[in-house]
Protein backbone atom coordinates (compact mmCIF):
# COMPACT_ATOMS: atom_id res chain seq x y z
CA MET A 1 94.91 112.04 116.29
CA ASN A 2 92.71 109.01 115.98
CA GLU A 3 95.08 105.97 115.10
CA ARG A 4 93.12 105.06 112.01
CA LEU A 5 93.82 108.63 110.50
CA LYS A 6 97.52 108.03 111.61
CA PHE A 7 97.67 104.98 109.64
CA LEU A 8 95.98 106.44 106.50
CA GLY A 9 98.57 109.29 106.64
CA ARG A 10 101.41 106.75 106.82
CA LEU A 11 99.94 104.58 103.83
CA GLU A 12 99.69 107.75 101.75
CA GLU A 13 103.06 108.77 102.56
CA LYS A 14 104.44 105.14 101.64
CA ARG A 15 102.02 105.11 98.52
CA LEU A 16 103.94 108.55 97.40
CA GLU A 17 107.39 107.08 98.32
CA ALA A 18 106.80 104.06 96.22
CA GLU A 19 105.44 106.13 93.20
CA GLN A 20 109.02 108.12 93.41
CA MET A 21 110.88 104.82 93.64
CA LYS A 22 109.13 103.53 90.77
CA LEU A 23 109.98 106.43 88.55
CA ARG A 24 113.50 106.44 89.65
CA MET A 25 113.75 102.91 88.85
CA GLU A 26 112.47 103.45 85.59
CA GLY A 27 115.02 106.23 84.71
CA LEU A 28 117.74 103.98 85.88
CA ARG A 29 116.64 101.16 83.66
CA ASP A 30 116.32 103.28 80.73
CA SER A 31 119.83 104.68 81.57
CA VAL A 32 121.45 101.28 81.87
CA ARG A 33 119.76 100.35 78.51
CA ASP A 34 121.35 103.42 76.90
CA ILE A 35 124.59 102.56 78.01
CA LEU A 36 124.49 99.12 76.98
CA ASP A 37 123.82 100.08 73.52
CA PRO A 38 123.87 96.60 71.34
CA PHE A 39 125.32 98.20 68.57
CA GLU A 40 128.31 99.70 70.28
CA PRO A 41 131.47 97.81 70.16
CA VAL A 42 132.02 95.73 73.28
CA GLU A 43 135.43 97.51 73.79
CA HIS A 44 133.49 100.83 73.92
CA VAL A 45 130.96 99.57 76.48
CA LYS A 46 130.94 101.71 79.55
CA ALA A 47 130.43 98.75 82.03
CA ASP A 48 131.72 100.61 84.86
CA ALA A 49 129.00 103.16 84.54
CA ALA A 50 126.39 100.47 83.84
CA ALA A 51 127.48 98.42 87.11
CA ALA A 52 127.04 101.77 89.09
CA LEU A 53 123.59 102.24 87.75
CA THR A 54 122.59 98.73 88.17
CA VAL A 55 123.72 98.56 91.93
CA GLU A 56 121.76 101.99 92.68
CA LEU A 57 118.76 100.18 90.78
CA ALA A 58 118.99 97.13 92.81
CA ALA A 59 118.96 99.25 96.03
CA VAL A 60 116.01 101.45 95.04
CA GLN A 61 114.23 98.05 94.37
CA ILE A 62 114.91 96.81 97.75
CA ARG A 63 113.69 99.84 99.27
CA LEU A 64 110.43 99.84 97.03
CA ARG A 65 109.89 96.17 98.14
CA GLU A 66 110.28 97.26 101.71
CA ALA A 67 107.55 100.09 101.18
CA LEU A 68 105.39 97.97 99.47
CA ALA A 69 105.47 95.37 102.17
CA GLU A 70 104.94 98.20 104.81
CA MET A 71 101.77 99.27 102.84
CA THR A 72 100.56 95.80 103.00
CA ALA A 73 100.86 95.68 106.75
CA ILE A 74 99.25 99.18 107.29
CA ARG A 75 96.23 97.92 104.81
CA LYS A 76 95.89 94.80 107.07
CA ALA A 77 96.03 96.81 110.30
CA LEU A 78 93.17 99.15 108.65
CA SER A 79 90.89 96.16 107.95
CA ARG A 80 90.79 94.88 111.43
């Protein structure tokens, strides 16, 4: 297999991964917002659930940034 095709395949793979991570982040963000209902009395806030979702959201964001950086590197290699 030619190197360019290999890079293009890897780029598409990363693009799909990034899209999945973005969708996951949107779902997590919406879940956190739902849990942190501003009209709920503070003593009823499910802080532990919000914290767990927020930690997961941060982890997905780190993986997304890594994927985006890898995509940039692949594009740079393809432009040579």
